[in-house]
Amino acid sequence: MSDRITEINTVIESIPDVKLVKSFEQGEFSIEGCISVFAEGLEKALQFDVAIHPQYPFKSHDTETIKFSNNELLEYKHIMGDGSICIHTAHNPVLSQKLNYDIASVKAWIKKYYINKDTDTHYEHLIVPQKTFKDSHFAFFFNEVNYTFSTNQYGYVDYSTISAGGFYKEKINSNILQRFYDSNNKQLVDTKWNFQLKSLPTSVGLFIFLKDAPSKNQRWVFENWKDFETLLPQDFLKFLHSIEKNTHKEKGKHLPLFVGYNISEAEIHWQVIMLEVGNFPIYGEKINKQWISMIDGDRDINWVMTKNCSYKYFFGRGKLNNKLTDGKILIIGIGAIGSILAKTLARSGCTKIDFIDYDVKEPENVCRSEYSFVTGITNKTNDLINEMCLISPFFEPVHGGYNFSEAFDFLIKSNLTDTTVKTEIEKYLNEYDVIFDCTADNDLLYVLSRLNINSTLLNFSISNHSKQFVCAVEQNRYDFIITQFNGNVLKFDIDDLYNPTGCWSPTFKASYNDINTLVQFAIKHVNLRFEQDRALRNFVIETDDTDCLSINLKEF
């Protein structure tokens, strides 16, 4: 017996209320044994088969490498299909201490879920096996829709394939649910995605809404079609039969079936079964001169992956303040600062964003902006809109992608004294709740200061070598910016600029990391002021890297 196995047996025997039922021995892969665990409130101790993997006491990725299993406990919460209980314990590299932690977690599980029969406030999804269908995994992303389904309602869906990739060492095909139709092909409701996703070609699938989850013990999804015998109505089985008759020429193709059920009074979850055309799990008989469709109960169910990508889940791990995420945003100038700002807003829950920039993206822009090399030379506005759509399925330009960029600079600078045009420009700008001017264009800054703009208007600019980042937001923004940069308030090198080959204007030097650091710091501060419901003031972020990097923000 190895020293490791001896230590495990010795430690287990020393833990109060724990006994060795079967001493630990080396199995084919794991060290295996059986223990009994007693906790206050039990009539008798519970037994667990224990498997300790070679990585123990370390986790394997995010998974514990010790399993406590009892197949007689499957009806209780936080039990996996193989009878192992779910435990999550603190890190400890010492085997003996880690064992004590894990046994304590087992006792806590016994008290919470076995003795007290507690239920968690948050919903735990059904356990669905991750299996391939015809040598590939499939994933379907759905979104909440503004529609109330009735029990046993069924029909068609449109879905679109968005990518083919890798799922660990296997292939995976990812798709989005687009819209629902009733059994007569009348559209019921559309799913809200960004305009690029909505323009994708579609394929046809099926749906049925059951209301109740297709599960055993509200934990494990049905494994065999016979489990559906009391749930699927005859009308739906006849519907499946008609589909199979009408698609006989497409034999062998896959057909996703979306199975919906309530996980709360207000929320529906969809699981997907992959059907094979020409091999549906049904058969029929004529009974009293009437065709009756029935389920072939000896068939396993081919479940595939689904993900609820509704806004509240997509941005559930964190978003910006509602003043930004619920507002209409305009970004003028989408170079380094503007493009970083745009992508940050998109990843942080903002969905309604427009851009104004006359320029094109070229290869040398990529190193410190949020553009890709492979799209080549193209208009910055079009390129960034494409990038934003790749990030967020909810991003949508306020004006549907209408490009005002070419005319904006001319109109706003040449018609300052034209009352009619000026009023139209003001009307256009005031459609937005928040406007970011990231152009570093003092002429535009001056003109904007002469307009009657009710929106929250912020000017973002950065100094050479990213020594300072300046945000002007108050009515004196023009004077403030000019004073900071041209009035010798900010101290930075104006000689060491980047001068590219050719007749180009020199530009400031700074890496993507330099710029991004300060842009994120500025967004954090602006968002904090919105969260605190405090007025925004002009501010300057200064950096000092003489020793270690220090960042200081000063409000005026």
Protein backbone atom coordinates (compact mmCIF):
# COMPACT_ATOMS: atom_id res chain seq x y z
CA MET A 1 0.00 0.00 0.00
CA SER A 2 1.40 3.41 -1.00
CA ASP A 3 2.10 6.15 1.50
CA ARG A 4 -0.64 8.25 -0.14
CA ILE A 5 -3.30 5.56 0.40
CA THR A 6 -2.12 4.97 3.95
CA GLU A 7 -2.38 8.70 4.68
CA ILE A 8 -5.92 8.87 3.24
CA ASN A 9 -7.13 5.95 5.39
CA THR A 10 -5.46 7.40 8.50
CA VAL A 11 -6.92 10.88 7.99
CA ILE A 12 -10.45 9.58 7.29
CA GLU A 13 -10.40 7.47 10.47
CA SER A 14 -9.39 10.52 12.52
CA ILE A 15 -12.32 12.72 11.41
CA PRO A 16 -15.19 12.81 13.95
CA ASP A 17 -18.47 11.12 12.88
CA VAL A 18 -16.78 9.49 9.90
CA LYS A 19 -16.02 5.77 9.61
CA LEU A 20 -14.32 3.61 7.03
CA VAL A 21 -16.83 1.13 5.60
CA LYS A 22 -14.28 -0.07 3.05
CA SER A 23 -10.63 0.94 3.25
CA PHE A 24 -9.21 2.93 0.37
CA GLU A 25 -7.36 1.01 -2.32
CA GLN A 26 -5.88 1.84 -5.70
CA GLY A 27 -8.42 1.35 -8.47
CA GLU A 28 -7.85 1.41 -12.22
CA PHE A 29 -7.65 5.20 -12.24
CA SER A 30 -8.65 6.56 -8.82
CA ILE A 31 -8.11 5.64 -5.19
CA GLU A 32 -11.45 4.19 -4.10
CA GLY A 33 -13.13 3.45 -0.79
CA CYS A 34 -16.41 3.74 1.11
CA ILE A 35 -17.20 5.84 4.18
CA SER A 36 -20.15 6.55 6.45
CA VAL A 37 -20.86 10.09 7.60
CA PHE A 38 -23.04 11.01 10.56
CA ALA A 39 -24.52 14.45 11.17
CA GLU A 40 -26.81 15.74 13.90
CA GLY A 41 -30.41 15.14 12.83
CA LEU A 42 -29.77 11.79 11.12
CA GLU A 43 -31.22 8.56 12.44
CA LYS A 44 -28.27 6.69 11.00
CA ALA A 45 -25.14 7.62 9.09
CA LEU A 46 -25.17 7.94 5.30
CA GLN A 47 -22.76 5.91 3.22
CA PHE A 48 -20.77 7.30 0.28
CA ASP A 49 -18.56 5.62 -2.26
CA VAL A 50 -15.50 7.83 -2.58
CA ALA A 51 -13.21 8.22 -5.59
CA ILE A 52 -10.04 10.32 -5.25
CA HIS A 53 -8.39 11.28 -8.54
CA PRO A 54 -4.61 11.56 -9.05
CA GLN A 55 -4.69 15.41 -9.07
CA TYR A 56 -6.08 15.54 -5.53
CA PRO A 57 -5.84 17.76 -3.42
CA PHE A 58 -5.82 20.08 -6.46
CA LYS A 59 -8.82 20.75 -8.67
CA SER A 60 -8.97 19.72 -12.31
CA HIS A 61 -9.75 23.07 -13.91
CA ASP A 62 -12.82 24.13 -11.85
CA THR A 63 -13.85 20.63 -10.80
CA GLU A 64 -13.18 18.94 -7.47
CA THR A 65 -11.08 15.78 -7.83
CA ILE A 66 -12.86 13.88 -5.06
CA LYS A 67 -16.34 12.38 -5.52
CA PHE A 68 -18.79 11.28 -2.83
CA SER A 69 -21.55 9.15 -4.40
CA ASN A 70 -24.75 7.48 -3.25
CA ASN A 71 -27.32 6.47 -5.89
CA GLU A 72 -30.08 6.28 -3.27
CA LEU A 73 -29.94 10.07 -2.83
CA LEU A 74 -30.90 11.04 -6.38
CA GLU A 75 -34.16 12.71 -5.30
CA TYR A 76 -32.29 15.38 -3.33
CA LYS A 77 -30.89 18.68 -4.54
CA HIS A 78 -27.36 19.12 -5.87
CA ILE A 79 -26.91 15.48 -6.84
CA MET A 80 -25.46 14.61 -10.22
CA GLY A 81 -26.83 11.84 -12.43
CA ASP A 82 -24.14 9.42 -11.23
CA GLY A 83 -25.21 9.96 -7.60
CA SER A 84 -22.30 12.22 -6.67
CA ILE A 85 -23.08 15.23 -4.51
CA CYS A 86 -22.00 18.72 -5.52
CA ILE A 87 -19.39 20.18 -3.20
CA HIS A 88 -17.13 23.20 -3.56
CA THR A 89 -14.45 23.67 -0.94
CA ALA A 90 -11.58 26.01 -0.25
CA HIS A 91 -8.15 25.50 -1.76
CA ASN A 92 -5.57 23.71 0.33
CA PRO A 93 -2.44 22.01 -1.04
CA VAL A 94 -2.09 19.73 2.03
CA LEU A 95 -3.93 16.43 1.49
CA SER A 96 -4.92 15.91 5.12
CA GLN A 97 -6.37 19.42 5.49
CA LYS A 98 -8.14 19.25 2.15
CA LEU A 99 -9.79 15.96 3.17
CA ASN A 100 -11.07 17.60 6.35
CA TYR A 101 -12.48 20.50 4.28
CA ASP A 102 -14.21 18.12 1.86
CA ILE A 103 -15.75 15.97 4.59
CA ALA A 104 -17.02 19.15 6.26
CA SER A 105 -18.68 20.06 2.93
CA VAL A 106 -20.34 16.65 2.81
CA LYS A 107 -21.72 17.21 6.32
CA ALA A 108 -22.96 20.66 5.26
CA TRP A 109 -24.70 19.11 2.23
CA ILE A 110 -26.36 16.47 4.46
CA LYS A 111 -27.69 19.13 6.82
CA LYS A 112 -28.87 21.57 4.14
CA TYR A 113 -30.34 19.28 1.50
CA TYR A 114 -30.93 15.87 3.11
CA ILE A 115 -32.10 16.82 6.60
CA ASN A 116 -33.59 20.30 6.07
CA LYS A 117 -34.56 19.68 2.42
CA ASP A 118 -33.67 23.26 1.55
CA THR A 119 -34.36 24.68 -1.88
CA ASP A 120 -32.16 27.32 -3.44
CA THR A 121 -33.57 30.72 -4.36
CA HIS A 122 -31.85 30.62 -7.77
CA TYR A 123 -32.92 28.21 -10.48
CA GLU A 124 -30.68 25.26 -11.28
CA HIS A 125 -30.93 24.14 -14.93
CA LEU A 126 -31.62 20.55 -15.84
CA ILE A 127 -28.59 18.32 -16.26
CA VAL A 128 -28.33 17.63 -19.98
CA PRO A 129 -25.69 15.19 -21.31
CA GLN A 130 -23.18 16.74 -23.71
CA LYS A 131 -23.29 14.34 -26.66
CA THR A 132 -22.53 14.65 -30.33
CA PHE A 133 -25.13 14.22 -33.05
CA LYS A 134 -23.65 12.76 -36.23
CA ASP A 135 -20.08 13.49 -35.10
CA SER A 136 -20.74 17.10 -34.15
CA HIS A 137 -22.04 19.08 -31.20
CA PHE A 138 -24.80 21.63 -31.74
CA ALA A 139 -25.61 24.74 -29.72
CA PHE A 140 -28.72 26.92 -30.02
CA PHE A 141 -28.90 30.43 -28.55
CA PHE A 142 -32.31 31.88 -27.76
CA ASN A 143 -33.63 35.19 -26.50
CA GLU A 144 -36.72 36.15 -24.53
CA VAL A 145 -39.70 37.06 -26.69
CA ASN A 146 -42.77 39.18 -26.03
CA TYR A 147 -45.26 36.38 -26.45
CA THR A 148 -47.24 34.06 -24.16
CA PHE A 149 -47.18 30.43 -25.23
CA SER A 150 -50.03 28.11 -24.28
CA THR A 151 -49.55 24.57 -22.99
CA ASN A 152 -48.96 22.05 -25.81
CA GLN A 153 -48.71 24.81 -28.42
CA TYR A 154 -46.51 23.71 -31.30
CA GLY A 155 -45.31 24.87 -34.69
CA TYR A 156 -42.22 25.90 -36.62
CA VAL A 157 -39.15 28.00 -35.90
CA ASP A 158 -36.59 29.74 -38.05
CA TYR A 159 -32.98 29.48 -36.96
CA SER A 160 -29.67 30.61 -38.41
CA THR A 161 -26.20 29.12 -38.20
CA ILE A 162 -23.68 31.68 -36.93
CA SER A 163 -20.47 29.66 -36.75
CA ALA A 164 -18.74 26.30 -36.93
CA GLY A 165 -15.93 25.78 -34.44
CA GLY A 166 -14.30 23.48 -31.94
CA PHE A 167 -15.74 22.13 -28.68
CA TYR A 168 -12.65 20.82 -26.92
CA LYS A 169 -11.49 18.08 -29.34
CA GLU A 170 -14.78 17.84 -31.25
CA LYS A 171 -16.68 19.96 -33.76
CA ILE A 172 -19.55 22.27 -32.83
CA ASN A 173 -22.14 24.16 -34.84
CA SER A 174 -23.61 27.28 -33.18
CA ASN A 175 -27.03 28.69 -34.11
CA ILE A 176 -29.51 31.37 -33.09
CA LEU A 177 -33.29 31.07 -32.83
CA GLN A 178 -34.86 33.71 -35.09
CA ARG A 179 -38.69 33.50 -34.95
CA PHE A 180 -41.70 31.32 -34.09
CA TYR A 181 -44.61 30.25 -36.34
CA ASP A 182 -47.76 28.34 -35.52
CA SER A 183 -48.55 24.97 -37.11
CA ASN A 184 -50.11 26.78 -40.10
CA ASN A 185 -46.90 28.76 -40.70
CA LYS A 186 -48.35 32.04 -39.42
CA GLN A 187 -45.66 34.07 -37.67
CA LEU A 188 -46.17 34.36 -33.92
CA VAL A 189 -43.21 36.43 -32.73
CA ASP A 190 -39.77 37.60 -33.83
CA THR A 191 -36.63 37.32 -31.72
CA LYS A 192 -34.62 40.50 -31.16
CA TRP A 193 -31.03 40.33 -32.39
CA ASN A 194 -28.84 42.91 -34.09
CA PHE A 195 -29.47 43.64 -37.77
CA GLN A 196 -26.54 41.55 -39.00
CA LEU A 197 -27.77 38.45 -37.19
CA LYS A 198 -31.29 39.05 -38.48
CA SER A 199 -30.00 39.13 -42.06
CA LEU A 200 -28.51 35.61 -41.89
CA PRO A 201 -30.09 32.85 -44.02
CA THR A 202 -32.49 30.66 -42.07
CA SER A 203 -33.37 27.00 -41.75
CA VAL A 204 -36.56 25.46 -40.39
CA GLY A 205 -37.00 23.71 -37.06
CA LEU A 206 -39.92 22.76 -34.82
CA PHE A 207 -41.11 23.72 -31.35
CA ILE A 208 -43.50 22.56 -28.67
CA PHE A 209 -44.23 24.30 -25.39
CA LEU A 210 -44.92 21.83 -22.56
CA LYS A 211 -45.00 24.22 -19.62
CA ASP A 212 -43.52 21.58 -17.29
CA ALA A 213 -39.87 20.60 -17.54
CA PRO A 214 -39.11 17.29 -19.34
CA SER A 215 -37.24 15.96 -16.34
CA LYS A 216 -36.93 13.41 -13.60
CA ASN A 217 -36.90 14.82 -10.08
CA GLN A 218 -36.63 18.31 -11.62
CA ARG A 219 -32.93 17.58 -12.09
CA TRP A 220 -32.20 15.28 -15.02
CA VAL A 221 -33.57 15.75 -18.48
CA PHE A 222 -35.46 12.82 -20.00
CA GLU A 223 -33.12 10.24 -21.53
CA ASN A 224 -35.56 8.04 -23.46
CA TRP A 225 -38.54 8.90 -25.67
CA LYS A 226 -40.80 6.71 -23.53
CA ASP A 227 -40.49 9.41 -20.83
CA PHE A 228 -42.49 11.69 -23.15
CA GLU A 229 -45.43 9.28 -23.57
CA THR A 230 -47.70 11.11 -21.12
CA LEU A 231 -46.57 14.60 -22.13
CA LEU A 232 -46.71 14.86 -25.91
CA PRO A 233 -50.30 15.32 -27.17
CA GLN A 234 -51.69 13.30 -30.07
CA ASP A 235 -52.07 16.42 -32.22
CA PHE A 236 -48.33 17.08 -31.96
CA LEU A 237 -47.46 13.47 -32.81
CA LYS A 238 -49.67 13.74 -35.90
CA PHE A 239 -47.88 16.99 -36.72
CA LEU A 240 -44.53 15.15 -36.52
CA HIS A 241 -45.91 12.41 -38.76
CA SER A 242 -46.97 14.96 -41.38
CA ILE A 243 -43.55 16.63 -41.22
CA GLU A 244 -41.84 13.31 -41.81
CA LYS A 245 -44.08 12.57 -44.81
CA ASN A 246 -43.43 15.98 -46.34
CA THR A 247 -39.67 15.86 -45.87
CA HIS A 248 -38.99 12.32 -47.11
CA LYS A 249 -36.75 13.68 -49.88
CA GLU A 250 -34.48 15.21 -47.20
CA LYS A 251 -33.91 11.90 -45.43
CA GLY A 252 -30.88 11.96 -43.12
CA LYS A 253 -30.88 15.73 -42.50
CA HIS A 254 -31.13 17.06 -38.96
CA LEU A 255 -34.18 18.91 -37.67
CA PRO A 256 -34.02 20.67 -34.27
CA LEU A 257 -37.04 20.42 -31.99
CA PHE A 258 -37.24 23.20 -29.38
CA VAL A 259 -38.94 21.99 -26.18
CA GLY A 260 -40.08 24.90 -24.02
CA TYR A 261 -41.07 24.97 -20.38
CA ASN A 262 -41.46 27.49 -17.56
CA ILE A 263 -38.64 27.89 -15.06
CA SER A 264 -40.60 30.68 -13.35
CA GLU A 265 -43.94 32.37 -13.92
CA ALA A 266 -42.30 34.88 -16.24
CA GLU A 267 -39.43 32.94 -17.84
CA ILE A 268 -39.30 30.17 -20.42
CA HIS A 269 -36.33 27.93 -21.07
CA TRP A 270 -35.82 25.98 -24.27
CA GLN A 271 -34.01 22.67 -24.64
CA VAL A 272 -33.36 21.26 -28.10
CA ILE A 273 -33.72 17.68 -29.33
CA MET A 274 -32.05 16.85 -32.64
CA LEU A 275 -34.31 14.80 -34.88
CA GLU A 276 -33.20 12.98 -38.02
CA VAL A 277 -35.50 13.31 -41.02
CA GLY A 278 -36.78 9.88 -42.00
CA ASN A 279 -36.01 8.46 -38.58
CA PHE A 280 -38.44 10.20 -36.23
CA PRO A 281 -39.12 8.38 -32.91
CA ILE A 282 -42.77 7.75 -33.82
CA TYR A 283 -44.86 5.09 -35.48
CA GLY A 284 -48.54 4.85 -36.34
CA GLU A 285 -51.44 2.42 -36.37
CA LYS A 286 -55.01 2.54 -37.59
CA ILE A 287 -57.35 2.11 -34.66
CA ASN A 288 -61.13 2.19 -35.38
CA LYS A 289 -60.34 3.49 -38.88
CA GLN A 290 -58.40 6.40 -37.41
CA TRP A 291 -54.64 6.89 -37.73
CA ILE A 292 -53.00 7.12 -34.31
CA SER A 293 -49.38 8.25 -33.94
CA MET A 294 -47.37 6.84 -31.05
CA ILE A 295 -43.93 7.29 -29.57
CA ASP A 296 -41.24 4.69 -30.18
CA GLY A 297 -40.26 4.25 -26.53
CA ASP A 298 -37.07 2.31 -27.18
CA ARG A 299 -35.21 5.29 -28.63
CA ASP A 300 -32.70 7.49 -26.82
CA ILE A 301 -33.16 11.27 -27.03
CA ASN A 302 -30.50 13.31 -28.83
CA TRP A 303 -30.32 16.45 -26.70
CA VAL A 304 -28.02 19.27 -27.79
CA MET A 305 -26.86 22.45 -26.06
CA THR A 306 -28.96 25.58 -25.56
CA LYS A 307 -28.08 28.94 -24.02
CA ASN A 308 -30.38 31.75 -22.94
CA CYS A 309 -28.68 34.80 -24.45
CA SER A 310 -31.31 37.33 -23.36
CA TYR A 311 -29.98 40.75 -22.41
CA LYS A 312 -30.21 40.15 -18.65
CA TYR A 313 -28.06 37.02 -18.94
CA PHE A 314 -25.72 38.23 -21.65
CA PHE A 315 -24.73 41.20 -19.48
CA GLY A 316 -25.57 39.51 -16.19
CA ARG A 317 -21.98 39.53 -14.91
CA GLY A 318 -21.75 43.28 -15.02
CA LYS A 319 -22.80 46.32 -17.01
CA LEU A 320 -22.56 50.09 -16.83
CA ASN A 321 -25.09 52.43 -15.25
CA ASN A 322 -28.54 52.60 -16.85
CA LYS A 323 -27.95 56.20 -17.93
CA LEU A 324 -25.46 54.78 -20.42
CA THR A 325 -26.97 51.38 -21.18
CA ASP A 326 -30.52 52.68 -21.65
CA GLY A 327 -29.47 55.81 -23.51
CA LYS A 328 -28.82 56.68 -27.14
CA ILE A 329 -25.11 57.35 -27.60
CA LEU A 330 -23.19 59.19 -30.32
CA ILE A 331 -19.43 58.88 -30.67
CA ILE A 332 -17.79 61.49 -32.92
CA GLY A 333 -14.32 60.36 -33.97
CA ILE A 334 -13.59 56.66 -33.81
CA GLY A 335 -9.83 56.50 -33.93
CA ALA A 336 -7.89 55.03 -31.01
CA ILE A 337 -9.92 56.63 -28.20
CA GLY A 338 -13.31 56.47 -29.92
CA SER A 339 -13.05 52.84 -31.05
CA ILE A 340 -11.85 51.65 -27.62
CA LEU A 341 -14.70 53.60 -26.04
CA ALA A 342 -17.21 52.07 -28.47
CA LYS A 343 -16.22 48.47 -27.83
CA THR A 344 -16.13 49.03 -24.08
CA LEU A 345 -19.67 50.40 -24.17
CA ALA A 346 -20.85 47.45 -26.30
CA ARG A 347 -19.32 44.91 -23.90
CA SER A 348 -20.86 46.78 -20.96
CA GLY A 349 -24.51 46.67 -21.98
CA CYS A 350 -24.93 49.69 -24.27
CA THR A 351 -26.96 48.81 -27.35
CA LYS A 352 -27.94 52.04 -29.13
CA ILE A 353 -24.76 53.67 -30.48
CA ASP A 354 -24.04 55.75 -33.59
CA PHE A 355 -20.68 56.85 -35.00
CA ILE A 356 -19.47 59.84 -36.98
CA ASP A 357 -16.07 59.72 -38.63
CA TYR A 358 -15.13 60.74 -42.17
CA ASP A 359 -11.91 58.70 -42.22
CA VAL A 360 -11.04 55.24 -43.52
CA LYS A 361 -9.29 52.53 -41.54
CA GLU A 362 -5.85 51.63 -42.82
CA PRO A 363 -3.36 48.94 -41.68
CA GLU A 364 -1.37 51.32 -39.46
CA ASN A 365 -4.55 52.13 -37.47
CA VAL A 366 -4.92 48.55 -36.23
CA CYS A 367 -2.07 48.53 -33.68
CA ARG A 368 -3.77 50.87 -31.24
CA SER A 369 -7.45 50.86 -32.24
CA GLU A 370 -10.26 48.34 -32.12
CA TYR A 371 -10.09 47.30 -35.75
CA SER A 372 -9.01 44.12 -37.52
CA PHE A 373 -6.33 43.81 -40.18
CA VAL A 374 -8.23 41.35 -42.38
CA THR A 375 -10.93 43.86 -43.39
CA GLY A 376 -8.31 45.94 -45.18
CA ILE A 377 -8.90 49.57 -46.09
CA THR A 378 -12.52 50.48 -45.42
CA ASN A 379 -14.64 53.20 -43.87
CA LYS A 380 -14.10 53.32 -40.12
CA THR A 381 -17.82 53.64 -39.40
CA ASN A 382 -18.73 50.54 -41.42
CA ASP A 383 -15.83 48.56 -40.02
CA LEU A 384 -16.60 49.43 -36.40
CA ILE A 385 -20.29 48.66 -36.83
CA ASN A 386 -19.30 45.20 -38.06
CA GLU A 387 -16.96 44.77 -35.08
CA MET A 388 -19.73 45.83 -32.67
CA CYS A 389 -22.19 43.34 -34.17
CA LEU A 390 -19.66 40.57 -33.62
CA ILE A 391 -19.46 41.48 -29.93
CA SER A 392 -23.07 42.11 -28.94
CA PRO A 393 -26.17 40.46 -30.42
CA PHE A 394 -28.11 43.48 -29.14
CA PHE A 395 -26.08 46.30 -30.71
CA GLU A 396 -28.14 48.40 -33.08
CA PRO A 397 -27.21 51.76 -34.64
CA VAL A 398 -29.77 54.40 -33.64
CA HIS A 399 -30.30 55.46 -37.26
CA GLY A 400 -30.06 51.99 -38.73
CA GLY A 401 -26.49 52.41 -39.92
CA TYR A 402 -27.17 55.66 -41.80
CA ASN A 403 -23.81 57.30 -42.41
CA PHE A 404 -23.91 61.03 -41.63
CA SER A 405 -20.13 61.12 -41.39
CA GLU A 406 -19.22 62.72 -44.71
CA ALA A 407 -21.73 65.56 -44.42
CA PHE A 408 -21.41 66.23 -40.70
CA ASP A 409 -18.11 68.12 -40.66
CA PHE A 410 -19.11 70.29 -43.62
CA LEU A 411 -22.59 71.09 -42.35
CA ILE A 412 -21.65 71.85 -38.76
CA LYS A 413 -18.67 74.05 -39.61
CA SER A 414 -20.05 75.95 -42.60
CA ASN A 415 -23.52 76.78 -41.31
CA LEU A 416 -22.92 78.14 -37.83
CA THR A 417 -24.68 81.41 -38.77
CA ASP A 418 -27.47 79.73 -40.71
CA THR A 419 -30.27 79.51 -38.18
CA THR A 420 -32.23 76.87 -40.10
CA VAL A 421 -29.33 74.47 -40.59
CA LYS A 422 -28.06 75.12 -37.08
CA THR A 423 -31.47 74.22 -35.66
CA GLU A 424 -31.54 70.98 -37.67
CA ILE A 425 -28.07 70.03 -36.43
CA GLU A 426 -29.08 70.77 -32.85
CA LYS A 427 -32.23 68.69 -33.32
CA TYR A 428 -30.14 65.80 -34.63
CA LEU A 429 -27.62 65.95 -31.79
CA ASN A 430 -30.30 66.28 -29.13
CA GLU A 431 -31.74 62.92 -30.18
CA TYR A 432 -28.86 61.40 -28.22
CA ASP A 433 -28.65 61.15 -24.45
CA VAL A 434 -24.86 61.09 -24.34
CA ILE A 435 -22.38 62.40 -26.93
CA PHE A 436 -18.64 61.65 -26.83
CA ASP A 437 -16.38 63.89 -28.92
CA CYS A 438 -13.15 61.94 -29.44
CA THR A 439 -11.88 63.84 -32.48
CA ALA A 440 -9.18 66.03 -30.85
CA ASP A 441 -10.49 68.64 -33.32
CA ASN A 442 -10.42 72.06 -31.67
CA ASP A 443 -12.46 73.56 -34.50
CA LEU A 444 -15.25 71.06 -33.90
CA LEU A 445 -14.93 71.62 -30.16
CA TYR A 446 -15.46 75.34 -30.69
CA VAL A 447 -18.48 74.83 -32.96
CA LEU A 448 -20.09 72.36 -30.55
CA SER A 449 -19.66 74.90 -27.75
CA ARG A 450 -21.75 77.37 -29.79
CA LEU A 451 -24.69 75.01 -30.23
CA ASN A 452 -27.65 74.54 -27.93
CA ILE A 453 -27.07 70.89 -26.98
CA ASN A 454 -29.13 69.39 -24.17
CA SER A 455 -27.40 66.00 -24.32
CA THR A 456 -24.59 65.11 -21.93
CA LEU A 457 -21.57 66.07 -24.04
CA LEU A 458 -18.09 64.81 -23.14
CA ASN A 459 -14.85 65.64 -24.92
CA PHE A 460 -12.11 63.01 -24.62
CA SER A 461 -8.52 63.77 -25.63
CA ILE A 462 -5.05 62.50 -24.78
CA SER A 463 -1.57 64.02 -24.71
CA ASN A 464 1.63 62.76 -26.31
CA HIS A 465 2.98 59.51 -24.81
CA SER A 466 -0.40 59.30 -22.99
CA LYS A 467 0.90 61.35 -20.09
CA GLN A 468 -2.52 62.92 -19.56
CA PHE A 469 -6.10 62.18 -20.47
CA VAL A 470 -8.47 65.15 -20.46
CA CYS A 471 -12.26 65.08 -20.22
CA ALA A 472 -14.21 68.31 -20.68
CA VAL A 473 -17.90 68.09 -19.93
CA GLU A 474 -18.98 71.49 -18.59
CA GLN A 475 -20.16 74.52 -20.55
CA ASN A 476 -16.62 75.92 -20.55
CA ARG A 477 -15.30 72.80 -22.30
CA TYR A 478 -13.71 74.73 -25.19
CA ASP A 479 -11.80 77.14 -22.93
CA PHE A 480 -10.87 74.28 -20.59
CA ILE A 481 -9.37 72.12 -23.37
CA ILE A 482 -7.51 75.01 -25.00
CA THR A 483 -6.08 76.07 -21.64
CA GLN A 484 -4.97 72.55 -20.76
CA PHE A 485 -3.22 71.79 -24.05
CA ASN A 486 -2.20 75.20 -25.41
CA GLY A 487 -1.89 77.19 -22.20
CA ASN A 488 1.05 75.18 -20.86
CA VAL A 489 -1.01 73.74 -18.01
CA LEU A 490 -0.22 70.18 -19.02
CA LYS A 491 3.48 69.34 -19.28
CA PHE A 492 4.31 66.90 -22.05
CA ASP A 493 6.75 66.50 -24.92
CA ILE A 494 5.41 68.07 -28.13
CA ASP A 495 8.54 67.47 -30.21
CA ASP A 496 8.74 63.69 -30.09
CA LEU A 497 5.72 62.99 -32.29
CA TYR A 498 5.24 60.17 -34.76
CA ASN A 499 6.00 61.34 -38.30
CA PRO A 500 5.05 58.69 -40.84
CA THR A 501 6.52 58.45 -44.32
CA GLY A 502 4.74 60.75 -46.73
CA CYS A 503 2.86 64.00 -46.42
CA TRP A 504 0.91 63.19 -43.29
CA SER A 505 0.30 65.17 -40.17
CA PRO A 506 2.34 64.01 -37.17
CA THR A 507 0.40 62.24 -34.45
CA PHE A 508 0.91 61.48 -30.78
CA LYS A 509 2.87 58.45 -29.65
CA ALA A 510 1.20 55.91 -27.39
CA SER A 511 0.56 52.18 -27.46
CA TYR A 512 -2.81 50.46 -27.37
CA ASN A 513 -2.07 49.59 -23.75
CA ASP A 514 -1.30 53.23 -22.90
CA ILE A 515 -4.50 54.54 -24.45
CA ASN A 516 -6.74 51.73 -23.28
CA THR A 517 -5.59 52.11 -19.67
CA LEU A 518 -6.62 55.76 -19.56
CA VAL A 519 -9.84 55.33 -21.54
CA GLN A 520 -10.99 52.61 -19.14
CA PHE A 521 -10.06 54.76 -16.15
CA ALA A 522 -12.09 57.64 -17.59
CA ILE A 523 -15.13 55.47 -18.35
CA LYS A 524 -14.97 54.08 -14.82
CA HIS A 525 -15.03 57.60 -13.38
CA VAL A 526 -17.87 58.79 -15.63
CA ASN A 527 -19.93 55.70 -14.80
CA LEU A 528 -19.29 56.22 -11.08
CA ARG A 529 -20.65 59.76 -11.28
CA PHE A 530 -23.76 58.45 -13.02
CA GLU A 531 -24.22 55.77 -10.37
CA GLN A 532 -23.86 58.39 -7.63
CA ASP A 533 -26.28 60.67 -9.49
CA ARG A 534 -23.72 63.46 -9.26
CA ALA A 535 -22.98 66.10 -11.86
CA LEU A 536 -20.04 65.46 -14.15
CA ARG A 537 -17.17 67.92 -13.92
CA ASN A 538 -14.11 68.51 -16.08
CA PHE A 539 -11.29 66.21 -15.07
CA VAL A 540 -7.72 65.33 -15.97
CA ILE A 541 -6.07 61.94 -15.51
CA GLU A 542 -2.30 62.18 -15.10
CA THR A 543 0.22 59.37 -15.19
CA ASP A 544 3.69 59.11 -13.70
CA ASP A 545 6.04 56.25 -14.56
CA THR A 546 9.31 57.54 -13.09
CA ASP A 547 9.30 54.67 -10.60
CA CYS A 548 6.19 52.51 -10.88
CA LEU A 549 3.07 53.52 -12.76
CA SER A 550 0.78 55.82 -10.81
CA ILE A 551 -2.48 57.31 -12.06
CA ASN A 552 -4.14 60.32 -10.51
CA LEU A 553 -7.50 61.88 -11.39
CA LYS A 554 -8.18 65.53 -10.64
CA GLU A 555 -11.60 67.14 -10.98
CA PHE A 556 -11.98 70.87 -11.62
